[in-house]
Structures are given as structure tokens and as C-alpha cells.
Protein backbone atom coordinates (compact mmCIF):
# COMPACT_ATOMS: atom_id res chain seq x y z
CA MET A 1 27.65 23.98 28.43
CA LEU A 2 24.18 25.53 28.07
CA GLU A 3 25.58 28.26 25.83
CA THR A 4 26.97 25.61 23.52
CA LEU A 5 23.60 23.82 23.44
CA VAL A 6 21.86 27.08 22.54
CA GLU A 7 24.41 27.80 19.82
CA ASN A 8 23.86 24.33 18.40
CA ARG A 9 20.08 24.70 18.62
CA ILE A 10 20.05 28.02 16.77
CA GLY A 11 22.45 26.63 14.22
CA SER A 12 20.16 23.68 13.57
CA LEU A 13 17.18 25.89 12.72
CA PRO A 14 16.29 26.27 9.05
CA GLU A 15 17.25 29.45 7.25
CA PRO A 16 16.21 32.22 7.38
CA VAL A 17 15.01 31.43 10.94
CA ALA A 18 18.53 30.81 12.26
CA GLY A 19 19.69 34.18 10.97
CA SER A 20 16.75 35.95 12.60
CA LEU A 21 17.34 34.91 16.22
CA ALA A 22 19.92 36.02 18.76
CA VAL A 23 20.26 35.51 22.50
CA ALA A 24 21.90 38.28 24.53
CA LEU A 25 23.36 37.03 27.84
CA PRO A 26 23.54 39.09 31.05
CA GLY A 27 27.30 39.60 30.79
CA GLY A 28 27.10 41.05 27.29
CA HIS A 29 27.95 37.91 25.30
CA ARG A 30 25.66 37.33 22.33
CA ILE A 31 24.71 34.07 20.62
CA GLY A 32 23.38 34.25 17.10
CA ALA A 33 23.41 36.67 14.17
CA ALA A 34 24.47 40.27 14.71
CA GLY A 35 21.54 41.70 12.76
CA ALA A 36 18.86 39.37 14.08
CA GLN A 37 15.24 40.59 13.94
CA VAL A 38 14.38 38.84 17.21
CA VAL A 39 16.55 39.12 20.31
CA LEU A 40 15.99 37.27 23.58
CA ARG A 41 17.65 39.57 26.13
CA LEU A 42 18.30 37.44 29.21
CA HIS A 43 18.50 38.85 32.75
CA SER A 44 19.53 35.47 34.15
CA LEU A 45 20.93 32.28 32.66
CA ALA A 46 17.89 30.17 33.62
CA PRO A 47 16.02 30.65 30.28
CA LEU A 48 18.96 29.18 28.34
CA LEU A 49 17.74 25.66 29.10
CA HIS A 50 14.29 26.50 27.73
CA VAL A 51 15.81 27.85 24.50
CA ALA A 52 17.94 24.74 24.10
CA THR A 53 15.03 22.35 24.70
CA GLY A 54 12.39 24.30 22.76
CA GLN A 55 10.15 24.83 25.80
CA ILE A 56 8.50 27.93 24.37
CA GLY A 57 5.77 28.03 27.02
CA ARG A 58 8.45 28.25 29.71
CA LEU A 59 10.21 30.98 27.72
CA ALA A 60 6.92 32.87 27.71
CA ARG A 61 6.75 32.46 31.49
CA ASP A 62 10.35 33.71 31.77
CA CYS A 63 9.26 36.81 29.85
CA VAL A 64 6.20 37.50 32.03
CA GLU A 65 8.27 37.02 35.18
CA GLY A 66 10.98 39.41 33.94
CA ARG A 67 13.77 36.90 33.44
CA LEU A 68 14.07 37.91 29.79
CA ASP A 69 12.85 40.55 27.36
CA ILE A 70 11.72 39.68 23.85
CA GLU A 71 12.62 42.24 21.19
CA GLY A 72 11.20 42.09 17.67
CA PRO A 73 7.89 41.96 15.78
CA MET A 74 5.48 39.43 17.26
CA ARG A 75 4.73 37.69 13.98
CA ARG A 76 8.43 37.00 13.51
CA VAL A 77 8.79 35.99 17.16
CA MET A 78 6.11 33.33 16.69
CA GLU A 79 7.62 32.00 13.46
CA ILE A 80 10.84 31.42 15.36
CA ALA A 81 9.05 30.00 18.41
CA ALA A 82 7.30 27.40 16.27
CA GLU A 83 10.64 26.28 14.84
CA LEU A 84 12.23 26.04 18.29
CA VAL A 85 9.67 23.43 19.36
CA ARG A 86 11.25 20.00 19.00
CA ASP A 87 8.14 17.77 18.97
CA GLN A 88 4.61 18.27 17.71
CA PRO A 89 2.79 19.91 20.67
CA THR A 90 -0.41 17.96 19.95
CA GLU A 91 1.44 14.71 20.61
CA ALA A 92 2.48 15.67 24.12
CA GLY A 93 1.17 13.79 27.12
CA GLY A 94 0.76 14.81 30.71
CA SER A 95 -1.71 17.07 32.42
CA GLY A 96 -2.52 20.62 31.52
CA TRP A 97 -4.78 23.03 29.68
CA LEU A 98 -5.93 20.85 26.80
CA GLY A 99 -8.32 18.31 28.20
CA LYS A 100 -6.43 17.49 31.35
CA PRO A 101 -8.29 15.39 33.87
CA LEU A 102 -8.83 18.13 36.43
CA SER A 103 -10.63 17.06 39.58
CA ARG A 104 -14.28 18.09 39.74
CA TRP A 105 -13.75 20.52 42.59
CA ARG A 106 -11.93 22.90 40.26
CA HIS A 107 -15.21 23.44 38.43
CA ARG A 108 -17.53 24.05 41.34
CA PRO A 109 -19.54 27.29 40.98
CA ALA A 110 -17.36 29.36 43.33
CA ALA A 111 -14.15 28.19 41.66
CA ASP A 112 -15.52 28.86 38.18
CA ALA A 113 -16.59 32.36 39.20
CA ARG A 114 -13.08 33.16 40.46
CA GLN A 115 -11.49 31.78 37.31
CA ILE A 116 -13.78 33.71 34.96
CA GLN A 117 -13.25 36.95 36.88
CA HIS A 118 -9.48 36.36 36.82
CA HIS A 119 -9.61 36.55 33.02
CA TYR A 120 -12.55 38.72 32.02
CA ASP A 121 -12.41 41.31 34.79
CA VAL A 122 -8.83 42.42 34.09
CA SER A 123 -10.02 45.77 32.69
CA ASP A 124 -12.82 46.59 30.26
CA ASP A 125 -10.75 49.45 28.85
CA PHE A 126 -7.83 47.09 28.25
CA TYR A 127 -9.99 44.72 26.21
CA ALA A 128 -11.51 47.67 24.34
CA LEU A 129 -8.03 48.57 23.07
CA TRP A 130 -7.82 45.51 20.83
CA LEU A 131 -11.33 44.10 20.42
CA ASP A 132 -13.87 45.51 17.95
CA ALA A 133 -16.39 48.12 19.08
CA ARG A 134 -18.90 45.43 20.10
CA ARG A 135 -16.20 43.69 22.19
CA VAL A 136 -16.86 40.31 20.60
CA TYR A 137 -14.24 38.11 22.25
CA SER A 138 -14.50 34.98 20.09
CA CYS A 139 -13.58 33.80 16.60
CA ALA A 140 -14.76 36.12 13.82
CA TYR A 141 -16.15 34.89 10.49
CA PHE A 142 -14.39 36.32 7.43
CA ARG A 143 -16.98 35.90 4.69
CA GLU A 144 -14.66 38.08 2.60
CA PRO A 145 -10.89 37.62 3.12
CA GLY A 146 -10.27 41.37 3.21
CA ALA A 147 -13.04 42.18 5.68
CA SER A 148 -12.23 44.32 8.70
CA LEU A 149 -12.34 42.73 12.13
CA ALA A 150 -15.54 44.65 12.96
CA ALA A 151 -17.25 43.44 9.77
CA ALA A 152 -16.08 39.86 10.35
CA GLN A 153 -17.44 39.88 13.90
CA GLU A 154 -20.82 41.11 12.71
CA ALA A 155 -20.74 38.39 10.04
CA LYS A 156 -20.08 35.83 12.81
CA LEU A 157 -23.03 37.07 14.87
CA GLU A 158 -25.31 36.85 11.85
CA HIS A 159 -23.87 33.44 10.91
CA ILE A 160 -24.87 32.08 14.32
CA CYS A 161 -28.33 33.65 14.20
CA ARG A 162 -28.97 32.17 10.75
CA LYS A 163 -27.85 28.72 11.83
CA LEU A 164 -30.27 28.94 14.76
CA MET A 165 -33.02 30.22 12.42
CA LEU A 166 -33.99 32.88 14.96
CA LYS A 167 -37.48 34.29 14.49
CA PRO A 168 -39.29 37.27 16.06
CA GLY A 169 -40.83 36.39 19.39
CA GLU A 170 -38.71 33.30 20.03
CA ARG A 171 -37.05 32.88 23.41
CA PHE A 172 -33.25 32.91 23.03
CA LEU A 173 -30.69 32.07 25.74
CA ASP A 174 -27.02 33.04 25.46
CA ILE A 175 -24.88 31.08 27.96
CA GLY A 176 -21.65 32.99 28.63
CA ALA A 177 -22.82 36.13 26.85
CA GLY A 178 -19.61 38.13 27.23
CA TRP A 179 -19.99 41.84 26.50
CA GLY A 180 -23.36 41.19 24.88
CA GLY A 181 -22.50 41.21 21.18
CA LEU A 182 -24.61 38.19 20.19
CA LEU A 183 -27.33 38.85 22.75
CA LEU A 184 -28.01 42.38 21.47
CA TRP A 185 -27.56 41.46 17.80
CA ALA A 186 -30.15 38.69 18.10
CA ALA A 187 -32.64 41.02 19.77
CA GLU A 188 -32.12 44.00 17.45
CA HIS A 189 -31.81 42.13 14.13
CA HIS A 190 -34.02 39.07 14.70
CA GLY A 191 -36.62 40.26 17.18
CA VAL A 192 -36.13 37.57 19.82
CA GLU A 193 -36.79 37.82 23.53
CA ALA A 194 -33.27 37.26 24.85
CA MET A 195 -31.50 36.46 28.10
CA GLY A 196 -27.77 36.20 28.67
CA ILE A 197 -25.77 34.96 31.63
CA THR A 198 -22.17 35.55 32.71
CA LEU A 199 -19.94 35.11 35.76
CA SER A 200 -18.01 38.32 34.98
CA LYS A 201 -19.11 41.30 37.06
CA ASN A 202 -17.65 43.74 34.53
CA GLN A 203 -19.48 42.14 31.62
CA HIS A 204 -22.74 42.02 33.57
CA ALA A 205 -22.58 45.73 34.34
CA HIS A 206 -21.52 46.65 30.79
CA VAL A 207 -24.34 44.75 29.07
CA ASN A 208 -27.00 46.08 31.42
CA ARG A 209 -25.88 49.62 30.59
CA LEU A 210 -26.24 48.83 26.89
CA ILE A 211 -29.71 47.36 27.44
CA GLU A 212 -30.82 50.60 29.06
CA GLU A 213 -29.14 52.82 26.46
CA ARG A 214 -30.74 50.95 23.56
CA GLY A 215 -34.22 50.81 25.07
CA LEU A 216 -34.25 47.02 25.25
CA ARG A 217 -35.48 46.60 28.81
CA GLY A 218 -38.32 44.12 28.83
CA ARG A 219 -36.96 42.29 25.77
CA VAL A 220 -33.40 41.58 26.88
CA ARG A 221 -32.03 40.50 30.25
CA MET A 222 -28.45 39.96 31.41
CA LEU A 223 -27.91 38.04 34.65
CA LEU A 224 -24.88 37.36 36.82
CA LEU A 225 -25.55 33.65 37.06
CA ASP A 226 -23.89 30.25 36.84
CA TYR A 227 -25.37 28.01 34.14
CA ARG A 228 -26.06 25.35 36.78
CA ALA A 229 -28.43 27.76 38.54
CA LEU A 230 -30.62 28.39 35.47
CA PRO A 231 -34.21 27.55 36.42
CA GLU A 232 -35.63 24.66 34.42
CA ASP A 233 -39.23 25.82 34.61
CA GLU A 234 -38.32 28.22 31.79
CA SER A 235 -37.82 26.63 28.38
CA TRP A 236 -36.07 28.15 25.38
CA ASP A 237 -36.56 27.92 21.63
CA LYS A 238 -32.88 28.49 20.86
CA VAL A 239 -29.66 28.42 22.93
CA ALA A 240 -26.18 29.66 22.06
CA SER A 241 -22.98 28.78 23.90
CA VAL A 242 -20.07 30.78 22.44
CA GLY A 243 -16.60 30.49 23.95
CA MET A 244 -18.16 28.95 27.04
CA PHE A 245 -17.80 25.17 27.08
CA GLU A 246 -13.98 25.45 27.23
CA HIS A 247 -14.50 26.60 30.84
CA VAL A 248 -16.84 23.74 31.78
CA GLY A 249 -14.25 20.98 32.16
CA ARG A 250 -14.15 17.42 30.81
CA ALA A 251 -15.70 15.91 33.93
CA ARG A 252 -18.68 18.28 33.87
CA LEU A 253 -19.31 18.36 30.11
CA PRO A 254 -22.03 15.65 30.23
CA ALA A 255 -23.91 17.59 32.91
CA TYR A 256 -23.50 20.80 30.88
CA PHE A 257 -25.08 19.39 27.73
CA ALA A 258 -27.73 17.58 29.79
CA LYS A 259 -28.64 20.92 31.37
CA ILE A 260 -28.98 22.55 27.94
CA GLN A 261 -31.09 19.61 26.71
CA ARG A 262 -33.52 20.14 29.61
CA LEU A 263 -33.64 23.91 28.97
CA LEU A 264 -34.51 23.50 25.28
CA LYS A 265 -38.05 23.00 24.07
CA PRO A 266 -38.58 19.81 22.01
CA GLY A 267 -37.44 20.74 18.52
CA GLY A 268 -35.24 23.54 19.89
CA LEU A 269 -31.75 24.26 18.59
CA LEU A 270 -28.33 24.71 20.23
CA LEU A 271 -25.33 26.43 18.63
CA ASN A 272 -22.15 25.44 20.47
CA HIS A 273 -19.12 27.49 19.37
CA GLY A 274 -15.77 26.89 21.01
CA ILE A 275 -12.08 26.12 20.83
CA THR A 276 -11.24 22.45 20.42
CA ALA A 277 -8.01 20.47 20.65
CA GLY A 278 -5.94 19.97 17.52
CA GLY A 279 -4.90 16.47 18.57
CA THR A 280 -7.15 13.56 19.37
CA ARG A 281 -5.34 12.17 22.40
CA ASN A 282 -3.02 14.81 23.84
CA ALA A 283 -3.86 15.83 27.37
CA GLN A 284 -2.47 19.33 26.76
CA LEU A 285 -0.31 21.28 24.35
CA GLY A 286 3.32 20.38 24.88
CA ALA A 287 6.46 22.55 25.07
CA GLY A 288 5.07 24.22 28.20
CA ILE A 289 2.37 26.05 26.22
CA GLY A 290 -0.61 24.57 28.05
CA ASP A 291 0.89 25.31 31.46
CA PHE A 292 1.52 28.94 30.47
CA VAL A 293 -2.11 29.50 29.43
CA GLU A 294 -3.39 27.76 32.58
CA ARG A 295 -1.21 29.93 34.81
CA TYR A 296 -1.60 33.37 33.26
CA ILE A 297 -4.70 33.43 31.06
CA PHE A 298 -7.39 30.77 31.54
CA PRO A 299 -7.09 29.03 34.92
CA GLY A 300 -9.31 25.98 34.90
CA GLY A 301 -9.76 25.98 31.11
CA GLU A 302 -9.92 22.59 29.38
CA LEU A 303 -10.18 21.78 25.70
CA LEU A 304 -11.32 18.57 24.04
CA HIS A 305 -11.22 17.18 20.54
CA VAL A 306 -14.41 17.82 18.58
CA SER A 307 -15.04 14.07 18.29
CA HIS A 308 -15.34 13.82 22.07
CA VAL A 309 -17.62 16.88 22.21
CA LEU A 310 -19.97 15.34 19.63
CA GLN A 311 -20.03 12.05 21.53
CA VAL A 312 -20.93 13.68 24.84
CA LEU A 313 -23.52 15.89 23.19
CA ALA A 314 -25.22 12.86 21.62
CA GLU A 315 -25.14 10.91 24.89
CA GLN A 316 -27.13 13.71 26.53
CA GLY A 317 -30.02 13.59 24.07
CA LEU A 318 -28.92 16.23 21.59
CA GLU A 319 -28.56 15.40 17.91
CA GLY A 320 -25.62 16.96 16.09
CA LEU A 321 -26.94 18.44 12.86
CA ASP A 322 -24.02 20.38 11.41
CA THR A 323 -20.40 20.98 12.43
CA GLU A 324 -18.19 23.66 10.85
CA ASN A 325 -14.45 24.08 11.39
CA LEU A 326 -13.49 27.78 11.62
CA ARG A 327 -9.84 27.23 12.57
CA PRO A 328 -8.34 29.56 9.87
CA HIS A 329 -10.83 32.25 10.85
CA TYR A 330 -9.57 32.21 14.43
CA ALA A 331 -5.94 32.54 13.35
CA LYS A 332 -6.92 35.65 11.38
CA THR A 333 -8.99 36.98 14.30
CA LEU A 334 -6.16 36.53 16.79
CA TRP A 335 -3.63 38.26 14.55
CA ALA A 336 -6.02 41.20 14.27
CA TRP A 337 -6.24 41.34 18.08
CA SER A 338 -2.47 40.97 18.43
CA ASP A 339 -1.75 43.73 15.91
CA ALA A 340 -4.21 46.05 17.67
CA LEU A 341 -2.58 45.44 21.06
CA GLU A 342 0.93 45.89 19.64
CA ALA A 343 -0.11 49.30 18.27
CA GLN A 344 -1.13 50.52 21.75
CA LEU A 345 1.30 48.98 24.20
CA GLU A 346 1.97 52.13 26.21
CA THR A 347 -1.74 52.75 26.74
CA ALA A 348 -2.21 49.09 27.69
CA ARG A 349 0.51 49.34 30.34
CA LYS A 350 -1.24 52.35 31.90
CA LEU A 351 -4.55 50.48 32.03
CA THR A 352 -3.18 47.27 33.54
CA SER A 353 0.42 46.33 34.29
CA GLU A 354 3.57 45.31 32.46
CA ARG A 355 3.05 41.73 33.63
CA ILE A 356 -0.47 41.48 32.16
CA VAL A 357 0.57 43.17 28.92
CA ARG A 358 3.45 40.72 28.47
CA ALA A 359 1.17 37.74 29.13
CA TYR A 360 -1.47 38.88 26.64
CA ARG A 361 1.04 39.79 23.94
CA LEU A 362 2.39 36.26 24.06
CA TYR A 363 -1.03 34.66 24.47
CA LEU A 364 -2.66 36.41 21.49
CA ALA A 365 0.24 36.00 19.08
CA GLY A 366 1.02 32.50 20.31
CA SER A 367 -2.59 31.40 19.93
CA ALA A 368 -2.69 32.83 16.40
CA MET A 369 0.37 30.74 15.57
CA GLY A 370 -1.21 27.68 17.22
CA PHE A 371 -4.34 27.95 15.09
CA GLU A 372 -2.28 28.50 11.94
CA ARG A 373 -0.34 25.30 12.61
CA GLY A 374 -3.34 23.21 13.59
CA TRP A 375 -2.33 22.82 17.21
CA LEU A 376 -5.72 24.29 18.11
CA SER A 377 -9.03 24.33 16.30
CA LEU A 378 -12.46 25.98 16.50
CA HIS A 379 -15.78 24.30 15.79
CA GLN A 380 -19.35 25.48 15.56
CA THR A 381 -21.81 22.65 16.14
CA LEU A 382 -25.53 23.00 15.57
CA ALA A 383 -27.61 20.49 17.51
CA ALA A 384 -31.28 19.87 18.21
CA ARG A 385 -33.37 18.45 20.98
CA PRO A 386 -35.54 16.05 18.95
CA THR A 387 -39.31 16.34 19.31
CA GLY A 388 -39.76 12.64 20.08
CA ARG A 389 -42.42 12.20 17.39
CA VAL A 390 -42.69 11.75 13.66
CA SER A 391 -44.23 14.78 11.98
CA ASP A 392 -47.16 13.05 10.25
CA GLY A 393 -47.85 10.05 12.42
CA PRO A 394 -48.16 8.66 15.95
CA LEU A 395 -44.81 6.84 15.98
CA ARG A 396 -42.01 8.08 18.16
CA GLY A 397 -39.09 9.59 16.24
CA ALA A 398 -36.40 12.25 16.20
CA GLN A 399 -37.62 15.29 14.31
CA SER A 400 -36.24 18.81 14.25
CA PRO A 401 -36.79 21.91 12.13
CA PHE A 402 -33.36 21.67 10.50
CA PRO A 403 -33.67 21.94 6.69
CA PHE A 404 -32.30 19.29 4.35
CA ASN A 405 -29.45 21.55 3.19
CA ARG A 406 -27.46 24.60 4.24
CA GLU A 407 -28.90 27.04 1.70
CA TYR A 408 -30.92 28.81 4.39
CA ILE A 409 -27.67 29.93 6.06
CA TYR A 410 -26.12 31.54 3.00
CA ALA A 411 -29.14 32.77 1.03
CA PRO A 412 -29.21 36.60 0.73
CA ARG A 413 -31.81 38.37 2.81
């Protein structure tokens, strides 16, 4: 019965997708074209139901757990996966990765630390295989379509610094500083006094080594610290949060932006850069995708639509000044990461495990496909803590140093 459903499902796919997919059953029987580019080689019959119903997230889980092998180029695999999905994933309901109403205890400091270390402390050498030399693990900015990944990541770092209008001597805070790409770029290229925080022990050690090697002690600090523990007797001219607020959780997002508002000096600027939901009301991505990411990649991660982010930000006393959608840039970034990992699979397996390599192959390529199709998005939002006064008079107002146009971001230096 299931075999017939799978045959019918493959037959219903548009050409040339239908002719590119085959399913090889444990007993040797094969469903689909003889010369298919992509073969799902099953070791049990359980994944057949997921093929028939288009549950591609559950197929990914079957692969990680060893119930099937996926043979074929990842770009082609994802083209087929997208066609297998029956309904638009952004219209799915339920609970899961995208904005699900997780209880607040899942985002207590100890839980967040475990979740961050689960992802970021897999292996520094593993990440180095497919990230750029600076290990910038967030959406690049392709000012030129043909730019290399390394050049696009440097362009992203500079894009953020320009939006924040960083100046020598300013105090700059990077919340969730990763492997230090933005933190060090801001200090070395814009002369700021910088501090970064992370919950990843590996990242903390890595960045502190770089600080010593580059002679930046005294100007740059990297702390192993939860954002909730940041002392509020220190104020900052500029704050960046890159790839961080996805880990905060819907329930704690108001407290997160309120914390940043208190840390900023009046007139100070925030650049919030992060993945946002492609749909406005879906609680997670459907077809089992959200559950796969929650289980294997980002436990505790939650994504929200940019409209909700802007609302919460405003409710906490921060004025949104400029929002830029970089969704196509992240698709291009993720494909660059995926291609780099695919080119070094044997080395990756030696550094981690087959299970982790399978999960990340599917995560990187699947995310690239998700951004291409608009299931996911990426927004940079520049916001200010207003000064509370009008520049040339005694009346209370909402002033900030943001210029009247964007020319300052793009003008040549």
C-alpha cells in the first residue's frame, strides 16, 4: 500500500523532478527512474510514509538516525525536497521551532547555556572547514554578486559598523559575539573600545586567544556571560546583536530589548540582525522541518515575524529607524557553507561523527532552500534609544543621531 502511495507521489511531481528521484527499498525493489540523480536508499520501510506525505523534516531525521541514506548532489536533493512538500510550510500550525510558545523555563540561564553549547561547541575545527577564515557564522552581505564568501562576510561586518556609525573611542557591546568577527573588526577598523559576550566556552577561548595575538588587550574584552547578567552601571554608545535574538525566545523578547534599552546611553544605537519567520502566523515551519532543527541543531531556538520583533522593540522604548531584508543574501551564504562542507565530508567525519555530519549537511542545504523559497527571512533592524529631549529646546522629544537618509552607509570612504 505504502509503495503504491510513493509511486503515485513521485509520479505526481512535475518534470524533470519526477525523473530525478528514486526510492530503493531494503529488499532490492526500486521505485522511480532508473537513472535518477537522487536516490533515497531505505534500510527500513518506515520512511516510506514520510515520502508519501511530504514530511521532509521527518525524512531528514530518518537520514540522521540511519534509517535511510540520501545519494545525490545536495542542491538537487533540496529541489526535490521542496517539491515533495504538499502544503506551504509557513502556513503550518502547531508548536515548534518558529515562534512556538515555549514555556519560560526553557530559556532560563542554565538551559540557554546548555542549548548554546550543544550547537556552538560541537568542534571549532568542524566549523572552520566550511566557514570563512574569520568564522563569521551569520548571513553575509554580497555587495557584488560574484564576491567570495570571505569578502561578503567582511562587507557584512563593515555594513553593520557603518549603520551603527561607530567612531574611535566609543564603547561598543556585541551580544552573542560568536568567534569574534564583528568584535575585532569594529576595534581594528573603527577604533572602538569593545566588549563581547557568549555562552559558548569554545568561542570564549578562541576570541581571547585572538585578542592576545593581535595586541588588543585593554581595548577588547570577551566574557563568558549571559546577557541577563550584564551590569547596568556600564552604559554603551552602540550595541550589536547578531544571530542572537533567535535564541532568546518569544516570552523573553520584551525583557531582552528592555535590557538593551537600559544598557544604551540616550541617543545610542542598536543593530539587531537575525533570522525571522517567513510567515506571519505560523507557529513553526511545517512538514516536520521545525522539529528537525529543534532536535538536532538549535534546541530552544524560536523565530518570529519581523513585524512582531518591531512591535516588541518599540514597546521597550527603542525606536526602529531602518529595517533591511537580507533574505537572498542568506540563501547565497548558506549554499556557500553547504558547498564547502560537501567538499570535505571525510575530514568532517573525522572531526565529529557521521550523525553530526548528516544533520549539518541537511540543515545547511535545507536552510538555503528555505531562504530561497521565502520560508525563512533575515532582517537587520537599526534602532535608537531616544534622548528624551529636542535638540534646540527644553521640550521633551525623541531625538537620535540617525541621519535623514542612508547615504552615510553607502558613501565611499
